PDB file of N, CA and C in Angstrom:
ATOM      1  N   UNK A   1     -12.171  -0.668 -13.933  1.00  0.00           N
ATOM      2  CA  UNK A   1     -11.759  -2.577 -14.050  1.00  0.00           C
ATOM      3  C   UNK A   1     -10.556  -2.538 -12.475  1.00  0.00           C
ATOM      4  N   UNK A   2     -11.532  -3.472 -12.254  1.00  0.00           N
ATOM      5  CA  UNK A   2     -11.133  -3.881 -11.100  1.00  0.00           C
ATOM      6  C   UNK A   2      -9.962  -5.111 -11.160  1.00  0.00           C
ATOM      7  N   UNK A   3      -9.026  -5.070  -9.975  1.00  0.00           N
ATOM      8  CA  UNK A   3      -7.682  -5.833  -9.383  1.00  0.00           C
ATOM      9  C   UNK A   3      -8.087  -7.036  -8.461  1.00  0.00           C
ATOM     10  N   UNK A   4      -7.637  -8.264  -8.700  1.00  0.00           N
ATOM     11  CA  UNK A   4      -8.050  -9.034  -7.819  1.00  0.00           C
ATOM     12  C   UNK A   4      -6.850  -9.667  -8.257  1.00  0.00           C
ATOM     13  N   UNK A   5      -5.782  -9.093  -6.533  1.00  0.00           N
ATOM     14  CA  UNK A   5      -4.730  -9.977  -6.262  1.00  0.00           C
ATOM     15  C   UNK A   5      -4.537 -11.292  -6.146  1.00  0.00           C
ATOM     16  N   UNK A   6      -3.516 -12.079  -6.237  1.00  0.00           N
ATOM     17  CA  UNK A   6      -3.759 -13.394  -6.309  1.00  0.00           C
ATOM     18  C   UNK A   6      -2.686 -13.864  -4.537  1.00  0.00           C
ATOM     19  N   UNK A   7      -1.807 -14.890  -4.786  1.00  0.00           N
ATOM     20  CA  UNK A   7      -2.058 -15.258  -3.196  1.00  0.00           C
ATOM     21  C   UNK A   7      -1.444 -14.845  -2.291  1.00  0.00           C
ATOM     22  N   UNK A   8      -0.942 -14.202  -1.489  1.00  0.00           N
ATOM     23  CA  UNK A   8      -0.800 -13.199  -0.393  1.00  0.00           C
ATOM     24  C   UNK A   8      -0.537 -11.778  -0.641  1.00  0.00           C
ATOM     25  N   UNK A   9      -0.614 -11.357  -2.161  1.00  0.00           N
ATOM     26  CA  UNK A   9      -0.497  -9.763  -2.060  1.00  0.00           C
ATOM     27  C   UNK A   9      -1.641  -9.180  -1.875  1.00  0.00           C
ATOM     28  N   UNK A  10      -1.474  -7.691  -1.606  1.00  0.00           N
ATOM     29  CA  UNK A  10      -2.555  -6.876  -1.740  1.00  0.00           C
ATOM     30  C   UNK A  10      -2.474  -5.758  -2.312  1.00  0.00           C
ATOM     31  N   UNK A  11      -3.389  -5.228  -2.786  1.00  0.00           N
ATOM     32  CA  UNK A  11      -3.015  -3.962  -3.632  1.00  0.00           C
ATOM     33  C   UNK A  11      -3.582  -2.425  -2.552  1.00  0.00           C
ATOM     34  N   UNK A  12      -2.643  -1.678  -3.003  1.00  0.00           N
ATOM     35  CA  UNK A  12      -2.414   0.104  -2.020  1.00  0.00           C
ATOM     36  C   UNK A  12      -2.421   0.558  -2.828  1.00  0.00           C
ATOM     37  N   UNK A  13      -3.612   1.831  -2.171  1.00  0.00           N
ATOM     38  CA  UNK A  13      -3.673   3.255  -3.057  1.00  0.00           C
ATOM     39  C   UNK A  13      -3.295   3.641  -1.919  1.00  0.00           C
ATOM     40  N   UNK A  14      -2.417   4.454  -1.999  1.00  0.00           N
ATOM     41  CA  UNK A  14      -1.030   5.925  -1.246  1.00  0.00           C
ATOM     42  C   UNK A  14      -1.873   6.788  -0.826  1.00  0.00           C
ATOM     43  N   UNK A  15      -2.263   7.212   0.370  1.00  0.00           N
ATOM     44  CA  UNK A  15      -2.286   8.880   1.042  1.00  0.00           C
ATOM     45  C   UNK A  15      -1.834   9.717   0.386  1.00  0.00           C
ATOM     46  N   UNK A  16      -2.524  10.913   0.037  1.00  0.00           N
ATOM     47  CA  UNK A  16      -1.946  11.903  -0.186  1.00  0.00           C
ATOM     48  C   UNK A  16      -0.938  12.484   0.387  1.00  0.00           C
ATOM     49  N   UNK A  17       0.405  13.266  -0.226  1.00  0.00           N
ATOM     50  CA  UNK A  17       1.638  13.338   0.966  1.00  0.00           C
ATOM     51  C   UNK A  17       1.021  15.010   1.406  1.00  0.00           C
ATOM     52  N   UNK A  18       1.978  15.333   2.090  1.00  0.00           N
ATOM     53  CA  UNK A  18       1.732  16.373   3.245  1.00  0.00           C
ATOM     54  C   UNK A  18       2.616  17.621   1.894  1.00  0.00           C
ATOM     55  N   UNK A  19       1.438  18.392   2.295  1.00  0.00           N
ATOM     56  CA  UNK A  19       1.852  19.741   1.169  1.00  0.00           C
ATOM     57  C   UNK A  19       2.694  20.400   1.377  1.00  0.00           C
ATOM     58  N   UNK A  20       2.172  21.168   3.166  1.00  0.00           N
ATOM     59  CA  UNK A  20       3.549  21.815   4.028  1.00  0.00           C
ATOM     60  C   UNK A  20       3.896  21.230   5.129  1.00  0.00           C
ATOM     61  N   UNK A  21       5.051  21.734   5.664  1.00  0.00           N
ATOM     62  CA  UNK A  21       5.441  20.875   7.027  1.00  0.00           C
ATOM     63  C   UNK A  21       4.550  21.317   8.577  1.00  0.00           C
ATOM     64  N   UNK A  22       5.443  21.104   9.777  1.00  0.00           N
ATOM     65  CA  UNK A  22       4.374  21.591  11.006  1.00  0.00           C
ATOM     66  C   UNK A  22       4.892  22.934  10.134  1.00  0.00           C
ATOM     67  N   UNK A  23       6.217  23.336  10.330  1.00  0.00           N
ATOM     68  CA  UNK A  23       6.768  25.017  10.466  1.00  0.00           C
ATOM     69  C   UNK A  23       5.844  25.586   9.654  1.00  0.00           C
ATOM     70  N   UNK A  24       4.852  24.900   8.222  1.00  0.00           N
ATOM     71  CA  UNK A  24       4.206  25.958   7.508  1.00  0.00           C
ATOM     72  C   UNK A  24       5.026  25.998   5.928  1.00  0.00           C
ATOM     73  N   UNK A  25       6.005  25.318   5.875  1.00  0.00           N
ATOM     74  CA  UNK A  25       6.863  25.459   4.038  1.00  0.00           C
ATOM     75  C   UNK A  25       6.225  24.996   4.102  1.00  0.00           C
ATOM     76  N   UNK A  26       5.525  25.617   2.200  1.00  0.00           N
ATOM     77  CA  UNK A  26       5.239  24.818   1.253  1.00  0.00           C
ATOM     78  C   UNK A  26       5.845  24.031   0.496  1.00  0.00           C
ATOM     79  N   UNK A  27       5.826  22.340   0.486  1.00  0.00           N
ATOM     80  CA  UNK A  27       6.861  21.884  -0.501  1.00  0.00           C
ATOM     81  C   UNK A  27       6.211  21.691  -1.786  1.00  0.00           C
ATOM     82  N   UNK A  28       7.304  21.472  -3.228  1.00  0.00           N
ATOM     83  CA  UNK A  28       7.336  21.273  -3.748  1.00  0.00           C
ATOM     84  C   UNK A  28       7.429  19.763  -4.804  1.00  0.00           C
ATOM     85  N   UNK A  29       6.527  19.098  -5.255  1.00  0.00           N
ATOM     86  CA  UNK A  29       6.264  17.894  -5.729  1.00  0.00           C
ATOM     87  C   UNK A  29       7.821  17.196  -6.172  1.00  0.00           C
ATOM     88  N   UNK A  30       8.174  18.135  -6.096  1.00  0.00           N
ATOM     89  CA  UNK A  30       9.774  17.025  -5.898  1.00  0.00           C
ATOM     90  C   UNK A  30      10.230  16.786  -4.590  1.00  0.00           C
ATOM     91  N   UNK A  31      10.002  17.886  -3.746  1.00  0.00           N
ATOM     92  CA  UNK A  31      10.179  17.709  -2.633  1.00  0.00           C
ATOM     93  C   UNK A  31       9.670  16.801  -1.371  1.00  0.00           C
ATOM     94  N   UNK A  32       8.754  16.268  -1.895  1.00  0.00           N
ATOM     95  CA  UNK A  32       7.861  15.872  -1.797  1.00  0.00           C
ATOM     96  C   UNK A  32       8.361  14.160  -1.071  1.00  0.00           C
ATOM     97  N   UNK A  33       8.553  13.273   0.019  1.00  0.00           N
ATOM     98  CA  UNK A  33       8.681  12.066   0.461  1.00  0.00           C
ATOM     99  C   UNK A  33       7.422  10.780  -0.423  1.00  0.00           C
ATOM    100  N   UNK A  34       8.162  10.040  -0.866  1.00  0.00           N
ATOM    101  CA  UNK A  34       6.716   8.815  -1.059  1.00  0.00           C
ATOM    102  C   UNK A  34       5.625   8.702  -0.006  1.00  0.00           C
ATOM    103  N   UNK A  35       5.062   8.635   0.069  1.00  0.00           N
ATOM    104  CA  UNK A  35       3.959   8.930   1.524  1.00  0.00           C
ATOM    105  C   UNK A  35       4.173   6.548   1.684  1.00  0.00           C
ATOM    106  N   UNK A  36       4.134   6.283   3.044  1.00  0.00           N
ATOM    107  CA  UNK A  36       4.445   5.408   3.469  1.00  0.00           C
ATOM    108  C   UNK A  36       2.531   4.757   4.295  1.00  0.00           C
ATOM    109  N   UNK A  37       1.565   5.536   4.497  1.00  0.00           N
ATOM    110  CA  UNK A  37       0.460   5.057   4.812  1.00  0.00           C
ATOM    111  C   UNK A  37      -0.319   4.720   3.529  1.00  0.00           C
ATOM    112  N   UNK A  38      -1.393   4.189   3.215  1.00  0.00           N
ATOM    113  CA  UNK A  38      -1.859   3.801   2.428  1.00  0.00           C
ATOM    114  C   UNK A  38      -3.362   2.825   2.704  1.00  0.00           C
ATOM    115  N   UNK A  39      -4.280   3.333   1.904  1.00  0.00           N
ATOM    116  CA  UNK A  39      -5.657   2.292   2.064  1.00  0.00           C
ATOM    117  C   UNK A  39      -4.989   1.243   1.447  1.00  0.00           C
ATOM    118  N   UNK A  40      -5.758   0.048   1.475  1.00  0.00           N
ATOM    119  CA  UNK A  40      -5.619  -1.239   1.546  1.00  0.00           C
ATOM    120  C   UNK A  40      -7.348  -1.280   0.635  1.00  0.00           C
ATOM    121  N   UNK A  41      -7.013  -1.701  -1.065  1.00  0.00           N
ATOM    122  CA  UNK A  41      -8.064  -1.648  -1.745  1.00  0.00           C
ATOM    123  C   UNK A  41      -8.690  -3.510  -2.141  1.00  0.00           C
ATOM    124  N   UNK A  42      -7.594  -4.322  -1.873  1.00  0.00           N
ATOM    125  CA  UNK A  42      -8.029  -5.466  -2.067  1.00  0.00           C
ATOM    126  C   UNK A  42      -6.738  -6.389  -1.858  1.00  0.00           C
ATOM    127  N   UNK A  43      -6.924  -7.509  -1.239  1.00  0.00           N
ATOM    128  CA  UNK A  43      -6.569  -8.613  -0.702  1.00  0.00           C
ATOM    129  C   UNK A  43      -6.680 -10.093  -1.711  1.00  0.00           C
ATOM    130  N   UNK A  44      -5.811 -10.529  -1.962  1.00  0.00           N
ATOM    131  CA  UNK A  44      -5.645 -11.992  -1.636  1.00  0.00           C
ATOM    132  C   UNK A  44      -6.253 -12.917  -0.915  1.00  0.00           C
ATOM    133  N   UNK A  45      -6.244 -14.216  -1.545  1.00  0.00           N
ATOM    134  CA  UNK A  45      -6.676 -15.386  -0.904  1.00  0.00           C
ATOM    135  C   UNK A  45      -5.814 -15.784   0.138  1.00  0.00           C
ATOM    136  N   UNK A  46      -4.588 -15.128   0.316  1.00  0.00           N
ATOM    137  CA  UNK A  46      -3.765 -16.266   0.681  1.00  0.00           C
ATOM    138  C   UNK A  46      -3.220 -17.080   0.401  1.00  0.00           C
ATOM    139  N   UNK A  47      -2.650 -17.905   0.350  1.00  0.00           N
ATOM    140  CA  UNK A  47      -1.736 -19.134  -0.116  1.00  0.00           C
ATOM    141  C   UNK A  47      -0.594 -19.829   1.360  1.00  0.00           C
ATOM    142  N   UNK A  48       0.110 -20.279   0.129  1.00  0.00           N
ATOM    143  CA  UNK A  48       1.418 -21.041   0.903  1.00  0.00           C
ATOM    144  C   UNK A  48       2.563 -20.821   0.888  1.00  0.00           C
ATOM    145  N   UNK A  49       3.587 -20.915   1.316  1.00  0.00           N
ATOM    146  CA  UNK A  49       4.876 -20.562   1.243  1.00  0.00           C
ATOM    147  C   UNK A  49       6.101 -21.228   2.359  1.00  0.00           C
ATOM    148  N   UNK A  50       6.511 -22.447   1.844  1.00  0.00           N
ATOM    149  CA  UNK A  50       7.433 -23.175   2.100  1.00  0.00           C
ATOM    150  C   UNK A  50       6.851 -24.077   3.042  1.00  0.00           C
ATOM    151  N   UNK A  51       5.419 -24.437   2.568  1.00  0.00           N
ATOM    152  CA  UNK A  51       4.616 -25.312   3.497  1.00  0.00           C
ATOM    153  C   UNK A  51       3.547 -24.917   4.267  1.00  0.00           C
ATOM    154  N   UNK A  52       4.236 -23.350   4.362  1.00  0.00           N
ATOM    155  CA  UNK A  52       3.393 -22.900   5.708  1.00  0.00           C
ATOM    156  C   UNK A  52       2.364 -22.064   5.257  1.00  0.00           C
ATOM    157  N   UNK A  53       0.968 -22.499   5.476  1.00  0.00           N
ATOM    158  CA  UNK A  53      -0.340 -21.224   5.095  1.00  0.00           C
ATOM    159  C   UNK A  53      -0.181 -19.680   5.783  1.00  0.00           C
ATOM    160  N   UNK A  54      -0.377 -18.961   4.865  1.00  0.00           N
ATOM    161  CA  UNK A  54      -0.064 -17.960   4.513  1.00  0.00           C
ATOM    162  C   UNK A  54      -1.718 -17.326   5.120  1.00  0.00           C
ATOM    163  N   UNK A  55      -2.265 -17.096   6.370  1.00  0.00           N
ATOM    164  CA  UNK A  55      -3.687 -16.235   6.580  1.00  0.00           C
ATOM    165  C   UNK A  55      -3.286 -14.664   6.320  1.00  0.00           C
ATOM    166  N   UNK A  56      -4.226 -13.997   5.137  1.00  0.00           N
ATOM    167  CA  UNK A  56      -4.584 -12.558   5.273  1.00  0.00           C
ATOM    168  C   UNK A  56      -4.710 -11.992   6.252  1.00  0.00           C
ATOM    169  N   UNK A  57      -3.704 -11.141   7.302  1.00  0.00           N
ATOM    170  CA  UNK A  57      -4.740 -10.232   8.538  1.00  0.00           C
ATOM    171  C   UNK A  57      -5.136  -9.497   7.902  1.00  0.00           C
ATOM    172  N   UNK A  58      -5.198  -7.465   6.506  1.00  0.00           N
ATOM    173  CA  UNK A  58      -5.875  -7.124   5.993  1.00  0.00           C
ATOM    174  C   UNK A  58      -7.023  -7.218   6.034  1.00  0.00           C
ATOM    175  N   UNK A  59      -7.691  -6.600   5.811  1.00  0.00           N
ATOM    176  CA  UNK A  59      -8.880  -6.275   4.618  1.00  0.00           C
ATOM    177  C   UNK A  59      -8.956  -4.763   4.072  1.00  0.00           C
ATOM    178  N   UNK A  60      -9.866  -4.568   2.899  1.00  0.00           N
ATOM    179  CA  UNK A  60      -9.840  -3.641   2.055  1.00  0.00           C
ATOM    180  C   UNK A  60     -10.427  -2.556   3.372  1.00  0.00           C
ATOM    181  N   UNK A  61      -9.773  -1.875   2.684  1.00  0.00           N
ATOM    182  CA  UNK A  61     -10.864  -0.381   3.853  1.00  0.00           C
ATOM    183  C   UNK A  61      -9.302  -0.001   4.991  1.00  0.00           C
ATOM    184  N   UNK A  62      -8.816  -1.483   5.468  1.00  0.00           N
ATOM    185  CA  UNK A  62      -7.502  -0.859   6.899  1.00  0.00           C
ATOM    186  C   UNK A  62      -6.567   0.553   5.843  1.00  0.00           C
ATOM    187  N   UNK A  63      -6.072   1.008   6.438  1.00  0.00           N
ATOM    188  CA  UNK A  63      -5.110   2.297   6.239  1.00  0.00           C
ATOM    189  C   UNK A  63      -3.688   1.753   7.315  1.00  0.00           C
ATOM    190  N   UNK A  64      -2.976   1.028   6.670  1.00  0.00           N
ATOM    191  CA  UNK A  64      -1.642   0.453   6.438  1.00  0.00           C
ATOM    192  C   UNK A  64      -0.643   1.241   6.264  1.00  0.00           C
ATOM    193  N   UNK A  65       0.892   0.792   7.249  1.00  0.00           N
ATOM    194  CA  UNK A  65       2.565   1.590   6.578  1.00  0.00           C
ATOM    195  C   UNK A  65       3.300  -0.104   5.959  1.00  0.00           C
ATOM    196  N   UNK A  66       3.400   0.118   4.770  1.00  0.00           N
ATOM    197  CA  UNK A  66       4.181  -0.481   4.187  1.00  0.00           C
ATOM    198  C   UNK A  66       5.409  -0.396   4.033  1.00  0.00           C
ATOM    199  N   UNK A  67       6.459  -0.980   3.718  1.00  0.00           N
ATOM    200  CA  UNK A  67       7.697  -0.662   4.034  1.00  0.00           C
ATOM    201  C   UNK A  67       8.239   0.592   2.435  1.00  0.00           C
ATOM    202  N   UNK A  68       9.446   1.238   2.961  1.00  0.00           N
ATOM    203  CA  UNK A  68       9.085   2.540   1.752  1.00  0.00           C
ATOM    204  C   UNK A  68       9.284   1.903   0.538  1.00  0.00           C
ATOM    205  N   UNK A  69       9.876   1.391  -0.623  1.00  0.00           N
ATOM    206  CA  UNK A  69      10.351   1.150  -1.798  1.00  0.00           C
ATOM    207  C   UNK A  69      10.002  -0.154  -2.187  1.00  0.00           C
ATOM    208  N   UNK A  70       8.762  -0.661  -1.237  1.00  0.00           N
ATOM    209  CA  UNK A  70       8.649  -1.792  -1.448  1.00  0.00           C
ATOM    210  C   UNK A  70       7.247  -2.284  -2.630  1.00  0.00           C
ATOM    211  N   UNK A  71       7.145  -3.280  -3.610  1.00  0.00           N
ATOM    212  CA  UNK A  71       6.163  -3.334  -3.677  1.00  0.00           C
ATOM    213  C   UNK A  71       6.468  -3.139  -5.521  1.00  0.00           C
ATOM    214  N   UNK A  72       4.956  -3.496  -6.587  1.00  0.00           N
ATOM    215  CA  UNK A  72       5.234  -2.641  -8.518  1.00  0.00           C
ATOM    216  C   UNK A  72       4.297  -2.269  -7.957  1.00  0.00           C
ATOM    217  N   UNK A  73       4.946  -0.508  -8.758  1.00  0.00           N
ATOM    218  CA  UNK A  73       3.652   0.315  -9.291  1.00  0.00           C
ATOM    219  C   UNK A  73       3.126   0.447  -9.728  1.00  0.00           C
ATOM    220  N   UNK A  74       1.741   0.597 -10.277  1.00  0.00           N
ATOM    221  CA  UNK A  74       1.382   0.281 -11.340  1.00  0.00           C
ATOM    222  C   UNK A  74      -0.187   1.140 -11.407  1.00  0.00           C
ATOM    223  N   UNK A  75      -0.461   2.007 -12.517  1.00  0.00           N
ATOM    224  CA  UNK A  75      -1.749   3.044 -13.446  1.00  0.00           C
ATOM    225  C   UNK A  75      -2.841   2.199 -14.023  1.00  0.00           C
ATOM    226  N   UNK A  76      -3.833   2.560 -12.930  1.00  0.00           N
ATOM    227  CA  UNK A  76      -5.190   1.975 -13.897  1.00  0.00           C
ATOM    228  C   UNK A  76      -5.960   2.932 -13.840  1.00  0.00           C
ATOM    229  N   UNK A  77      -7.067   3.335 -15.165  1.00  0.00           N
ATOM    230  CA  UNK A  77      -7.380   4.252 -15.334  1.00  0.00           C
ATOM    231  C   UNK A  77      -7.149   5.887 -14.551  1.00  0.00           C
ATOM    232  N   UNK A  78      -5.859   6.168 -14.867  1.00  0.00           N
ATOM    233  CA  UNK A  78      -5.387   7.111 -14.261  1.00  0.00           C
ATOM    234  C   UNK A  78      -4.997   7.427 -12.547  1.00  0.00           C
ATOM    235  N   UNK A  79      -5.527   5.949 -12.271  1.00  0.00           N
ATOM    236  CA  UNK A  79      -5.299   6.015 -10.799  1.00  0.00           C
ATOM    237  C   UNK A  79      -3.847   5.372 -10.219  1.00  0.00           C
ATOM    238  N   UNK A  80      -2.955   5.490  -9.468  1.00  0.00           N
ATOM    239  CA  UNK A  80      -2.252   4.723  -9.144  1.00  0.00           C
ATOM    240  C   UNK A  80      -2.006   3.763  -7.878  1.00  0.00           C
ATOM    241  N   UNK A  81      -2.045   2.396  -7.817  1.00  0.00           N
ATOM    242  CA  UNK A  81      -1.491   1.610  -6.985  1.00  0.00           C
ATOM    243  C   UNK A  81      -0.435   0.953  -6.743  1.00  0.00           C
ATOM    244  N   UNK A  82      -0.814   0.534  -5.594  1.00  0.00           N
ATOM    245  CA  UNK A  82       0.981  -0.365  -5.665  1.00  0.00           C
ATOM    246  C   UNK A  82       0.609  -2.140  -5.213  1.00  0.00           C
ATOM    247  N   UNK A  83       1.423  -2.971  -6.067  1.00  0.00           N
ATOM    248  CA  UNK A  83       1.300  -4.170  -5.104  1.00  0.00           C
ATOM    249  C   UNK A  83       2.157  -4.975  -4.611  1.00  0.00           C
ATOM    250  N   UNK A  84       2.083  -5.511  -3.738  1.00  0.00           N
ATOM    251  CA  UNK A  84       2.752  -5.861  -2.782  1.00  0.00           C
ATOM    252  C   UNK A  84       2.826  -7.086  -1.816  1.00  0.00           C
ATOM    253  N   UNK A  85       3.413  -8.020  -1.358  1.00  0.00           N
ATOM    254  CA  UNK A  85       3.349  -8.248  -0.476  1.00  0.00           C
ATOM    255  C   UNK A  85       2.865  -8.253   0.655  1.00  0.00           C
ATOM    256  N   UNK A  86       2.368  -9.119   1.454  1.00  0.00           N
ATOM    257  CA  UNK A  86       1.572  -8.893   3.161  1.00  0.00           C
ATOM    258  C   UNK A  86       2.666  -8.763   3.504  1.00  0.00           C
ATOM    259  N   UNK A  87       3.624  -9.318   3.813  1.00  0.00           N
ATOM    260  CA  UNK A  87       4.547  -9.101   4.333  1.00  0.00           C
ATOM    261  C   UNK A  87       5.569  -7.913   4.369  1.00  0.00           C
ATOM    262  N   UNK A  88       5.346  -7.614   3.203  1.00  0.00           N
ATOM    263  CA  UNK A  88       5.638  -5.519   2.806  1.00  0.00           C
ATOM    264  C   UNK A  88       4.900  -4.459   4.314  1.00  0.00           C
ATOM    265  N   UNK A  89       3.926  -5.673   4.347  1.00  0.00           N
ATOM    266  CA  UNK A  89       3.206  -4.232   5.257  1.00  0.00           C
ATOM    267  C   UNK A  89       3.627  -4.517   6.508  1.00  0.00           C
ATOM    268  N   UNK A  90       3.593  -2.692   7.078  1.00  0.00           N
ATOM    269  CA  UNK A  90       4.595  -2.794   8.471  1.00  0.00           C
ATOM    270  C   UNK A  90       4.044  -3.263   9.827  1.00  0.00           C
ATOM    271  N   UNK A  91       2.962  -2.103   9.838  1.00  0.00           N
ATOM    272  CA  UNK A  91       1.498  -2.619  10.516  1.00  0.00           C
ATOM    273  C   UNK A  91       0.088  -1.583  10.083  1.00  0.00           C
ATOM    274  N   UNK A  92      -0.673  -1.936  10.700  1.00  0.00           N
ATOM    275  CA  UNK A  92      -2.446  -1.465  10.363  1.00  0.00           C
ATOM    276  C   UNK A  92      -1.879   0.071  11.197  1.00  0.00           C
ATOM    277  N   UNK A  93      -2.506   0.916  10.520  1.00  0.00           N
ATOM    278  CA  UNK A  93      -3.174   2.085  11.180  1.00  0.00           C
ATOM    279  C   UNK A  93      -4.204   2.068  12.317  1.00  0.00           C
ATOM    280  N   UNK A  94      -4.167   2.355  13.290  1.00  0.00           N
ATOM    281  CA  UNK A  94      -5.828   2.638  14.033  1.00  0.00           C
ATOM    282  C   UNK A  94      -6.494   3.653  14.608  1.00  0.00           C
TER     283      UNK A  94
END
């Protein structure tokens, strides 16, 4: 199934959270934080908000840092994705 976001929405897929800490302690699934780094899967065409045109600055394949608890989480074909507005993306990781 394909996801095609509308307006200035972006579909991202979170990267796997770290299994161990830097000191070597193995984390259980309950102790892991929600990862903030994600990969852009699909990007909407942009649009207008308050009369201003919104240009999309991210593209599929970009690694981004998103606001921690933003967007709507969905599950399609066993994969988890998040749909959020481009304004909830804080940075592009290069």
